[in-house]
Amino acid sequence: RRIIEHTPMARFGDPDDLVGTLLWLCSDASRFVTGIVVPV
């Protein structure tokens, strides 16, 4: 409950929510991106 109250989107993540960020980081779409940590 405390986690959900502290999450503005008011839900737990779905595993599929990670896929778009992963594909971005793995692909040429992020070819000038290195050394970052992306919160999802």
ModelCIF file with pLDDT and N, C-alpha, C, O atoms, coordinates in Angstrom:
data_MODEL
#
_entry.id   MODEL 
#
_entity.id                         1 
_entity.type                       polymer 
_entity.pdbx_number_of_molecules   1 
#
_entity_poly.entity_id                      1 
_entity_poly.type                           'polypeptide(L)' 
_entity_poly.nstd_linkage                   no 
_entity_poly.nstd_monomer                   no 
_entity_poly.pdbx_seq_one_letter_code       RRIIEHTPMARFGDPDDLVGTLLWLCSDASRFVTGIVVPV 
_entity_poly.pdbx_seq_one_letter_code_can   RRIIEHTPMARFGDPDDLVGTLLWLCSDASRFVTGIVVPV 
_entity_poly.pdbx_strand_id                 A 
#
loop_
_entity_poly_seq.entity_id 
_entity_poly_seq.num 
_entity_poly_seq.mon_id 
_entity_poly_seq.hetero 
1 1  ARG n 
1 2  ARG n 
1 3  ILE n 
1 4  ILE n 
1 5  GLU n 
1 6  HIS n 
1 7  THR n 
1 8  PRO n 
1 9  MET n 
1 10 ALA n 
1 11 ARG n 
1 12 PHE n 
1 13 GLY n 
1 14 ASP n 
1 15 PRO n 
1 16 ASP n 
1 17 ASP n 
1 18 LEU n 
1 19 VAL n 
1 20 GLY n 
1 21 THR n 
1 22 LEU n 
1 23 LEU n 
1 24 TRP n 
1 25 LEU n 
1 26 CYS n 
1 27 SER n 
1 28 ASP n 
1 29 ALA n 
1 30 SER n 
1 31 ARG n 
1 32 PHE n 
1 33 VAL n 
1 34 THR n 
1 35 GLY n 
1 36 ILE n 
1 37 VAL n 
1 38 VAL n 
1 39 PRO n 
1 40 VAL n 
#
_struct_asym.id          A 
_struct_asym.entity_id   1 
#
loop_
_ma_qa_metric.id 
_ma_qa_metric.mode 
_ma_qa_metric.name 
_ma_qa_metric.software_group_id 
_ma_qa_metric.type 
1 global pLDDT . pLDDT 
2 local  pLDDT . pLDDT 
#
_ma_qa_metric_global.metric_id      1 
_ma_qa_metric_global.metric_value   95.30 
_ma_qa_metric_global.model_id       1 
_ma_qa_metric_global.ordinal_id     1 
#
loop_
_ma_qa_metric_local.label_asym_id 
_ma_qa_metric_local.label_comp_id 
_ma_qa_metric_local.label_seq_id 
_ma_qa_metric_local.metric_id 
_ma_qa_metric_local.metric_value 
_ma_qa_metric_local.model_id 
_ma_qa_metric_local.ordinal_id 
A ARG 1  2 91.00 1 1  
A ARG 2  2 90.00 1 2  
A ILE 3  2 90.00 1 3  
A ILE 4  2 91.00 1 4  
A GLU 5  2 92.00 1 5  
A HIS 6  2 93.00 1 6  
A THR 7  2 93.00 1 7  
A PRO 8  2 94.00 1 8  
A MET 9  2 95.00 1 9  
A ALA 10 2 93.00 1 10 
A ARG 11 2 93.00 1 11 
A PHE 12 2 92.00 1 12 
A GLY 13 2 92.00 1 13 
A ASP 14 2 93.00 1 14 
A PRO 15 2 93.00 1 15 
A ASP 16 2 95.00 1 16 
A ASP 17 2 96.00 1 17 
A LEU 18 2 97.00 1 18 
A VAL 19 2 97.00 1 19 
A GLY 20 2 97.00 1 20 
A THR 21 2 98.00 1 21 
A LEU 22 2 98.00 1 22 
A LEU 23 2 97.00 1 23 
A TRP 24 2 97.00 1 24 
A LEU 25 2 98.00 1 25 
A CYS 26 2 98.00 1 26 
A SER 27 2 97.00 1 27 
A ASP 28 2 95.00 1 28 
A ALA 29 2 95.00 1 29 
A SER 30 2 97.00 1 30 
A ARG 31 2 96.00 1 31 
A PHE 32 2 97.00 1 32 
A VAL 33 2 98.00 1 33 
A THR 34 2 98.00 1 34 
A GLY 35 2 98.00 1 35 
A ILE 36 2 98.00 1 36 
A VAL 37 2 98.00 1 37 
A VAL 38 2 98.00 1 38 
A PRO 39 2 97.00 1 39 
A VAL 40 2 97.00 1 40 
#
loop_
_atom_site.group_PDB 
_atom_site.id 
_atom_site.type_symbol 
_atom_site.label_atom_id 
_atom_site.label_alt_id 
_atom_site.label_comp_id 
_atom_site.label_asym_id 
_atom_site.label_entity_id 
_atom_site.label_seq_id 
_atom_site.pdbx_PDB_ins_code 
_atom_site.Cartn_x 
_atom_site.Cartn_y 
_atom_site.Cartn_z 
_atom_site.occupancy 
_atom_site.B_iso_or_equiv 
_atom_site.pdbx_formal_charge 
_atom_site.auth_seq_id 
_atom_site.auth_comp_id 
_atom_site.auth_asym_id 
_atom_site.auth_atom_id 
_atom_site.pdbx_PDB_model_num 
ATOM 1   N N  . ARG A 1 1  ? 0.836  -1.207 0.000   1.00 91.00 ? 1  ARG A N  1 
ATOM 2   C CA . ARG A 1 1  ? 0.000  0.000  0.000   1.00 91.00 ? 1  ARG A CA 1 
ATOM 3   C C  . ARG A 1 1  ? 0.865  1.249  0.000   1.00 91.00 ? 1  ARG A C  1 
ATOM 4   O O  . ARG A 1 1  ? 0.586  2.200  -0.730  1.00 91.00 ? 1  ARG A O  1 
ATOM 5   N N  . ARG A 1 2  ? 1.905  1.251  0.810   1.00 90.00 ? 2  ARG A N  1 
ATOM 6   C CA . ARG A 1 2  ? 2.783  2.422  0.877   1.00 90.00 ? 2  ARG A CA 1 
ATOM 7   C C  . ARG A 1 2  ? 3.510  2.656  -0.450  1.00 90.00 ? 2  ARG A C  1 
ATOM 8   O O  . ARG A 1 2  ? 3.736  3.798  -0.849  1.00 90.00 ? 2  ARG A O  1 
ATOM 9   N N  . ILE A 1 3  ? 3.870  1.576  -1.117  1.00 90.00 ? 3  ILE A N  1 
ATOM 10  C CA . ILE A 1 3  ? 4.516  1.712  -2.423  1.00 90.00 ? 3  ILE A CA 1 
ATOM 11  C C  . ILE A 1 3  ? 3.563  2.336  -3.440  1.00 90.00 ? 3  ILE A C  1 
ATOM 12  O O  . ILE A 1 3  ? 3.938  3.264  -4.155  1.00 90.00 ? 3  ILE A O  1 
ATOM 13  N N  . ILE A 1 4  ? 2.350  1.834  -3.503  1.00 91.00 ? 4  ILE A N  1 
ATOM 14  C CA . ILE A 1 4  ? 1.369  2.373  -4.452  1.00 91.00 ? 4  ILE A CA 1 
ATOM 15  C C  . ILE A 1 4  ? 1.072  3.837  -4.144  1.00 91.00 ? 4  ILE A C  1 
ATOM 16  O O  . ILE A 1 4  ? 0.928  4.647  -5.060  1.00 91.00 ? 4  ILE A O  1 
ATOM 17  N N  . GLU A 1 5  ? 0.982  4.175  -2.874  1.00 92.00 ? 5  GLU A N  1 
ATOM 18  C CA . GLU A 1 5  ? 0.738  5.568  -2.491  1.00 92.00 ? 5  GLU A CA 1 
ATOM 19  C C  . GLU A 1 5  ? 1.881  6.473  -2.926  1.00 92.00 ? 5  GLU A C  1 
ATOM 20  O O  . GLU A 1 5  ? 1.679  7.668  -3.144  1.00 92.00 ? 5  GLU A O  1 
ATOM 21  N N  . HIS A 1 6  ? 3.080  5.913  -3.053  1.00 93.00 ? 6  HIS A N  1 
ATOM 22  C CA . HIS A 1 6  ? 4.249  6.703  -3.426  1.00 93.00 ? 6  HIS A CA 1 
ATOM 23  C C  . HIS A 1 6  ? 4.554  6.593  -4.928  1.00 93.00 ? 6  HIS A C  1 
ATOM 24  O O  . HIS A 1 6  ? 5.572  7.104  -5.395  1.00 93.00 ? 6  HIS A O  1 
ATOM 25  N N  . THR A 1 7  ? 3.679  5.934  -5.669  1.00 93.00 ? 7  THR A N  1 
ATOM 26  C CA . THR A 1 7  ? 3.857  5.788  -7.112  1.00 93.00 ? 7  THR A CA 1 
ATOM 27  C C  . THR A 1 7  ? 2.800  6.615  -7.813  1.00 93.00 ? 7  THR A C  1 
ATOM 28  O O  . THR A 1 7  ? 1.631  6.230  -7.790  1.00 93.00 ? 7  THR A O  1 
ATOM 29  N N  . PRO A 1 8  ? 3.151  7.739  -8.439  1.00 94.00 ? 8  PRO A N  1 
ATOM 30  C CA . PRO A 1 8  ? 2.146  8.606  -9.050  1.00 94.00 ? 8  PRO A CA 1 
ATOM 31  C C  . PRO A 1 8  ? 1.204  7.895  -10.020 1.00 94.00 ? 8  PRO A C  1 
ATOM 32  O O  . PRO A 1 8  ? 0.039  8.278  -10.122 1.00 94.00 ? 8  PRO A O  1 
ATOM 33  N N  . MET A 1 9  ? 1.671  6.879  -10.730 1.00 95.00 ? 9  MET A N  1 
ATOM 34  C CA . MET A 1 9  ? 0.806  6.164  -11.651 1.00 95.00 ? 9  MET A CA 1 
ATOM 35  C C  . MET A 1 9  ? -0.079 5.139  -10.951 1.00 95.00 ? 9  MET A C  1 
ATOM 36  O O  . MET A 1 9  ? -0.909 4.489  -11.586 1.00 95.00 ? 9  MET A O  1 
ATOM 37  N N  . ALA A 1 10 ? 0.103  4.997  -9.631  1.00 93.00 ? 10 ALA A N  1 
ATOM 38  C CA . ALA A 1 10 ? -0.809 4.249  -8.752  1.00 93.00 ? 10 ALA A CA 1 
ATOM 39  C C  . ALA A 1 10 ? -1.017 2.794  -9.164  1.00 93.00 ? 10 ALA A C  1 
ATOM 40  O O  . ALA A 1 10 ? -2.131 2.277  -9.088  1.00 93.00 ? 10 ALA A O  1 
ATOM 41  N N  . ARG A 1 11 ? 0.045  2.144  -9.596  1.00 93.00 ? 11 ARG A N  1 
ATOM 42  C CA . ARG A 1 11 ? -0.041 0.708  -9.896  1.00 93.00 ? 11 ARG A CA 1 
ATOM 43  C C  . ARG A 1 11 ? 1.354  0.110  -9.865  1.00 93.00 ? 11 ARG A C  1 
ATOM 44  O O  . ARG A 1 11 ? 2.356  0.824  -9.917  1.00 93.00 ? 11 ARG A O  1 
ATOM 45  N N  . PHE A 1 12 ? 1.402  -1.221 -9.780  1.00 92.00 ? 12 PHE A N  1 
ATOM 46  C CA . PHE A 1 12 ? 2.658  -1.919 -9.977  1.00 92.00 ? 12 PHE A CA 1 
ATOM 47  C C  . PHE A 1 12 ? 2.948  -1.986 -11.474 1.00 92.00 ? 12 PHE A C  1 
ATOM 48  O O  . PHE A 1 12 ? 2.041  -1.887 -12.300 1.00 92.00 ? 12 PHE A O  1 
ATOM 49  N N  . GLY A 1 13 ? 4.221  -2.154 -11.807 1.00 92.00 ? 13 GLY A N  1 
ATOM 50  C CA . GLY A 1 13 ? 4.587  -2.286 -13.198 1.00 92.00 ? 13 GLY A CA 1 
ATOM 51  C C  . GLY A 1 13 ? 4.169  -3.631 -13.768 1.00 92.00 ? 13 GLY A C  1 
ATOM 52  O O  . GLY A 1 13 ? 4.064  -4.626 -13.051 1.00 92.00 ? 13 GLY A O  1 
ATOM 53  N N  . ASP A 1 14 ? 3.935  -3.639 -15.067 1.00 93.00 ? 14 ASP A N  1 
ATOM 54  C CA . ASP A 1 14 ? 3.718  -4.868 -15.815 1.00 93.00 ? 14 ASP A CA 1 
ATOM 55  C C  . ASP A 1 14 ? 5.037  -5.212 -16.499 1.00 93.00 ? 14 ASP A C  1 
ATOM 56  O O  . ASP A 1 14 ? 5.706  -4.308 -16.998 1.00 93.00 ? 14 ASP A O  1 
ATOM 57  N N  . PRO A 1 15 ? 5.436  -6.476 -16.542 1.00 93.00 ? 15 PRO A N  1 
ATOM 58  C CA . PRO A 1 15 ? 6.711  -6.812 -17.170 1.00 93.00 ? 15 PRO A CA 1 
ATOM 59  C C  . PRO A 1 15 ? 6.884  -6.245 -18.578 1.00 93.00 ? 15 PRO A C  1 
ATOM 60  O O  . PRO A 1 15 ? 8.000  -5.907 -18.972 1.00 93.00 ? 15 PRO A O  1 
ATOM 61  N N  . ASP A 1 16 ? 5.805  -6.138 -19.333 1.00 95.00 ? 16 ASP A N  1 
ATOM 62  C CA . ASP A 1 16 ? 5.898  -5.576 -20.682 1.00 95.00 ? 16 ASP A CA 1 
ATOM 63  C C  . ASP A 1 16 ? 6.291  -4.098 -20.668 1.00 95.00 ? 16 ASP A C  1 
ATOM 64  O O  . ASP A 1 16 ? 6.729  -3.564 -21.687 1.00 95.00 ? 16 ASP A O  1 
ATOM 65  N N  . ASP A 1 17 ? 6.134  -3.435 -19.515 1.00 96.00 ? 17 ASP A N  1 
ATOM 66  C CA . ASP A 1 17 ? 6.496  -2.021 -19.432 1.00 96.00 ? 17 ASP A CA 1 
ATOM 67  C C  . ASP A 1 17 ? 8.000  -1.802 -19.601 1.00 96.00 ? 17 ASP A C  1 
ATOM 68  O O  . ASP A 1 17 ? 8.433  -0.683 -19.874 1.00 96.00 ? 17 ASP A O  1 
ATOM 69  N N  . LEU A 1 18 ? 8.790  -2.846 -19.443 1.00 97.00 ? 18 LEU A N  1 
ATOM 70  C CA . LEU A 1 18 ? 10.238 -2.725 -19.554 1.00 97.00 ? 18 LEU A CA 1 
ATOM 71  C C  . LEU A 1 18 ? 10.732 -2.857 -20.990 1.00 97.00 ? 18 LEU A C  1 
ATOM 72  O O  . LEU A 1 18 ? 11.846 -2.443 -21.309 1.00 97.00 ? 18 LEU A O  1 
ATOM 73  N N  . VAL A 1 19 ? 9.903  -3.432 -21.852 1.00 97.00 ? 19 VAL A N  1 
ATOM 74  C CA . VAL A 1 19 ? 10.386 -3.822 -23.172 1.00 97.00 ? 19 VAL A CA 1 
ATOM 75  C C  . VAL A 1 19 ? 10.785 -2.626 -24.026 1.00 97.00 ? 19 VAL A C  1 
ATOM 76  O O  . VAL A 1 19 ? 11.829 -2.666 -24.678 1.00 97.00 ? 19 VAL A O  1 
ATOM 77  N N  . GLY A 1 20 ? 9.983  -1.561 -24.042 1.00 97.00 ? 20 GLY A N  1 
ATOM 78  C CA . GLY A 1 20 ? 10.301 -0.406 -24.868 1.00 97.00 ? 20 GLY A CA 1 
ATOM 79  C C  . GLY A 1 20 ? 11.634 0.221  -24.504 1.00 97.00 ? 20 GLY A C  1 
ATOM 80  O O  . GLY A 1 20 ? 12.420 0.578  -25.382 1.00 97.00 ? 20 GLY A O  1 
ATOM 81  N N  . THR A 1 21 ? 11.891 0.357  -23.202 1.00 98.00 ? 21 THR A N  1 
ATOM 82  C CA . THR A 1 21 ? 13.163 0.922  -22.754 1.00 98.00 ? 21 THR A CA 1 
ATOM 83  C C  . THR A 1 21 ? 14.318 0.015  -23.148 1.00 98.00 ? 21 THR A C  1 
ATOM 84  O O  . THR A 1 21 ? 15.365 0.496  -23.583 1.00 98.00 ? 21 THR A O  1 
ATOM 85  N N  . LEU A 1 22 ? 14.137 -1.298 -23.001 1.00 98.00 ? 22 LEU A N  1 
ATOM 86  C CA . LEU A 1 22 ? 15.182 -2.239 -23.385 1.00 98.00 ? 22 LEU A CA 1 
ATOM 87  C C  . LEU A 1 22 ? 15.506 -2.126 -24.870 1.00 98.00 ? 22 LEU A C  1 
ATOM 88  O O  . LEU A 1 22 ? 16.676 -2.057 -25.247 1.00 98.00 ? 22 LEU A O  1 
ATOM 89  N N  . LEU A 1 23 ? 14.481 -2.107 -25.710 1.00 97.00 ? 23 LEU A N  1 
ATOM 90  C CA . LEU A 1 23 ? 14.722 -2.037 -27.154 1.00 97.00 ? 23 LEU A CA 1 
ATOM 91  C C  . LEU A 1 23 ? 15.408 -0.732 -27.531 1.00 97.00 ? 23 LEU A C  1 
ATOM 92  O O  . LEU A 1 23 ? 16.278 -0.715 -28.401 1.00 97.00 ? 23 LEU A O  1 
ATOM 93  N N  . TRP A 1 24 ? 15.025 0.350  -26.885 1.00 97.00 ? 24 TRP A N  1 
ATOM 94  C CA . TRP A 1 24 ? 15.695 1.629  -27.135 1.00 97.00 ? 24 TRP A CA 1 
ATOM 95  C C  . TRP A 1 24 ? 17.181 1.534  -26.807 1.00 97.00 ? 24 TRP A C  1 
ATOM 96  O O  . TRP A 1 24 ? 18.021 1.948  -27.606 1.00 97.00 ? 24 TRP A O  1 
ATOM 97  N N  . LEU A 1 25 ? 17.510 0.992  -25.638 1.00 98.00 ? 25 LEU A N  1 
ATOM 98  C CA . LEU A 1 25 ? 18.905 0.926  -25.213 1.00 98.00 ? 25 LEU A CA 1 
ATOM 99  C C  . LEU A 1 25 ? 19.723 -0.053 -26.050 1.00 98.00 ? 25 LEU A C  1 
ATOM 100 O O  . LEU A 1 25 ? 20.935 0.114  -26.187 1.00 98.00 ? 25 LEU A O  1 
ATOM 101 N N  . CYS A 1 26 ? 19.074 -1.068 -26.607 1.00 98.00 ? 26 CYS A N  1 
ATOM 102 C CA . CYS A 1 26 ? 19.788 -2.077 -27.386 1.00 98.00 ? 26 CYS A CA 1 
ATOM 103 C C  . CYS A 1 26 ? 19.957 -1.690 -28.845 1.00 98.00 ? 26 CYS A C  1 
ATOM 104 O O  . CYS A 1 26 ? 20.750 -2.306 -29.557 1.00 98.00 ? 26 CYS A O  1 
ATOM 105 N N  . SER A 1 27 ? 19.234 -0.695 -29.298 1.00 97.00 ? 27 SER A N  1 
ATOM 106 C CA . SER A 1 27 ? 19.161 -0.403 -30.725 1.00 97.00 ? 27 SER A CA 1 
ATOM 107 C C  . SER A 1 27 ? 19.901 0.880  -31.091 1.00 97.00 ? 27 SER A C  1 
ATOM 108 O O  . SER A 1 27 ? 20.432 1.584  -30.233 1.00 97.00 ? 27 SER A O  1 
ATOM 109 N N  . ASP A 1 28 ? 19.916 1.161  -32.400 1.00 95.00 ? 28 ASP A N  1 
ATOM 110 C CA . ASP A 1 28 ? 20.545 2.386  -32.891 1.00 95.00 ? 28 ASP A CA 1 
ATOM 111 C C  . ASP A 1 28 ? 19.797 3.642  -32.459 1.00 95.00 ? 28 ASP A C  1 
ATOM 112 O O  . ASP A 1 28 ? 20.318 4.750  -32.591 1.00 95.00 ? 28 ASP A O  1 
ATOM 113 N N  . ALA A 1 29 ? 18.589 3.478  -31.946 1.00 95.00 ? 29 ALA A N  1 
ATOM 114 C CA . ALA A 1 29 ? 17.832 4.641  -31.470 1.00 95.00 ? 29 ALA A CA 1 
ATOM 115 C C  . ALA A 1 29 ? 18.549 5.335  -30.318 1.00 95.00 ? 29 ALA A C  1 
ATOM 116 O O  . ALA A 1 29 ? 18.298 6.511  -30.057 1.00 95.00 ? 29 ALA A O  1 
ATOM 117 N N  . SER A 1 30 ? 19.435 4.626  -29.626 1.00 97.00 ? 30 SER A N  1 
ATOM 118 C CA . SER A 1 30 ? 20.177 5.219  -28.496 1.00 97.00 ? 30 SER A CA 1 
ATOM 119 C C  . SER A 1 30 ? 21.680 5.181  -28.752 1.00 97.00 ? 30 SER A C  1 
ATOM 120 O O  . SER A 1 30 ? 22.459 5.023  -27.812 1.00 97.00 ? 30 SER A O  1 
ATOM 121 N N  . ARG A 1 31 ? 22.095 5.321  -29.993 1.00 96.00 ? 31 ARG A N  1 
ATOM 122 C CA . ARG A 1 31 ? 23.496 5.081  -30.355 1.00 96.00 ? 31 ARG A CA 1 
ATOM 123 C C  . ARG A 1 31 ? 24.471 6.059  -29.717 1.00 96.00 ? 31 ARG A C  1 
ATOM 124 O O  . ARG A 1 31 ? 25.671 5.788  -29.698 1.00 96.00 ? 31 ARG A O  1 
ATOM 125 N N  . PHE A 1 32 ? 23.996 7.194  -29.190 1.00 97.00 ? 32 PHE A N  1 
ATOM 126 C CA . PHE A 1 32 ? 24.874 8.152  -28.514 1.00 97.00 ? 32 PHE A CA 1 
ATOM 127 C C  . PHE A 1 32 ? 24.557 8.207  -27.017 1.00 97.00 ? 32 PHE A C  1 
ATOM 128 O O  . PHE A 1 32 ? 24.823 9.209  -26.353 1.00 97.00 ? 32 PHE A O  1 
ATOM 129 N N  . VAL A 1 33 ? 23.993 7.129  -26.503 1.00 98.00 ? 33 VAL A N  1 
ATOM 130 C CA . VAL A 1 33 ? 23.610 7.053  -25.090 1.00 98.00 ? 33 VAL A CA 1 
ATOM 131 C C  . VAL A 1 33 ? 24.440 5.973  -24.414 1.00 98.00 ? 33 VAL A C  1 
ATOM 132 O O  . VAL A 1 33 ? 24.389 4.806  -24.803 1.00 98.00 ? 33 VAL A O  1 
ATOM 133 N N  . THR A 1 34 ? 25.196 6.361  -23.410 1.00 98.00 ? 34 THR A N  1 
ATOM 134 C CA . THR A 1 34 ? 25.943 5.382  -22.617 1.00 98.00 ? 34 THR A CA 1 
ATOM 135 C C  . THR A 1 34 ? 26.156 5.938  -21.212 1.00 98.00 ? 34 THR A C  1 
ATOM 136 O O  . THR A 1 34 ? 26.252 7.149  -21.014 1.00 98.00 ? 34 THR A O  1 
ATOM 137 N N  . GLY A 1 35 ? 26.228 5.031  -20.246 1.00 98.00 ? 35 GLY A N  1 
ATOM 138 C CA . GLY A 1 35 ? 26.501 5.421  -18.864 1.00 98.00 ? 35 GLY A CA 1 
ATOM 139 C C  . GLY A 1 35 ? 25.306 5.938  -18.094 1.00 98.00 ? 35 GLY A C  1 
ATOM 140 O O  . GLY A 1 35 ? 25.477 6.673  -17.121 1.00 98.00 ? 35 GLY A O  1 
ATOM 141 N N  . ILE A 1 36 ? 24.080 5.571  -18.506 1.00 98.00 ? 36 ILE A N  1 
ATOM 142 C CA . ILE A 1 36 ? 22.898 6.054  -17.789 1.00 98.00 ? 36 ILE A CA 1 
ATOM 143 C C  . ILE A 1 36 ? 22.130 4.903  -17.161 1.00 98.00 ? 36 ILE A C  1 
ATOM 144 O O  . ILE A 1 36 ? 22.257 3.749  -17.570 1.00 98.00 ? 36 ILE A O  1 
ATOM 145 N N  . VAL A 1 37 ? 21.337 5.241  -16.166 1.00 98.00 ? 37 VAL A N  1 
ATOM 146 C CA . VAL A 1 37 ? 20.406 4.311  -15.532 1.00 98.00 ? 37 VAL A CA 1 
ATOM 147 C C  . VAL A 1 37 ? 19.002 4.877  -15.734 1.00 98.00 ? 37 VAL A C  1 
ATOM 148 O O  . VAL A 1 37 ? 18.697 5.976  -15.272 1.00 98.00 ? 37 VAL A O  1 
ATOM 149 N N  . VAL A 1 38 ? 18.159 4.127  -16.421 1.00 98.00 ? 38 VAL A N  1 
ATOM 150 C CA . VAL A 1 38 ? 16.824 4.600  -16.773 1.00 98.00 ? 38 VAL A CA 1 
ATOM 151 C C  . VAL A 1 38 ? 15.795 4.012  -15.800 1.00 98.00 ? 38 VAL A C  1 
ATOM 152 O O  . VAL A 1 38 ? 15.612 2.795  -15.771 1.00 98.00 ? 38 VAL A O  1 
ATOM 153 N N  . PRO A 1 39 ? 15.116 4.852  -15.001 1.00 97.00 ? 39 PRO A N  1 
ATOM 154 C CA . PRO A 1 39 ? 14.060 4.325  -14.134 1.00 97.00 ? 39 PRO A CA 1 
ATOM 155 C C  . PRO A 1 39 ? 12.796 4.037  -14.932 1.00 97.00 ? 39 PRO A C  1 
ATOM 156 O O  . PRO A 1 39 ? 12.350 4.858  -15.734 1.00 97.00 ? 39 PRO A O  1 
ATOM 157 N N  . VAL A 1 40 ? 12.233 2.870  -14.703 1.00 97.00 ? 40 VAL A N  1 
ATOM 158 C CA . VAL A 1 40 ? 10.930 2.507  -15.281 1.00 97.00 ? 40 VAL A CA 1 
ATOM 159 C C  . VAL A 1 40 ? 10.052 2.173  -14.078 1.00 97.00 ? 40 VAL A C  1 
ATOM 160 O O  . VAL A 1 40 ? 8.882  1.827  -14.244 1.00 97.00 ? 40 VAL A O  1 
#
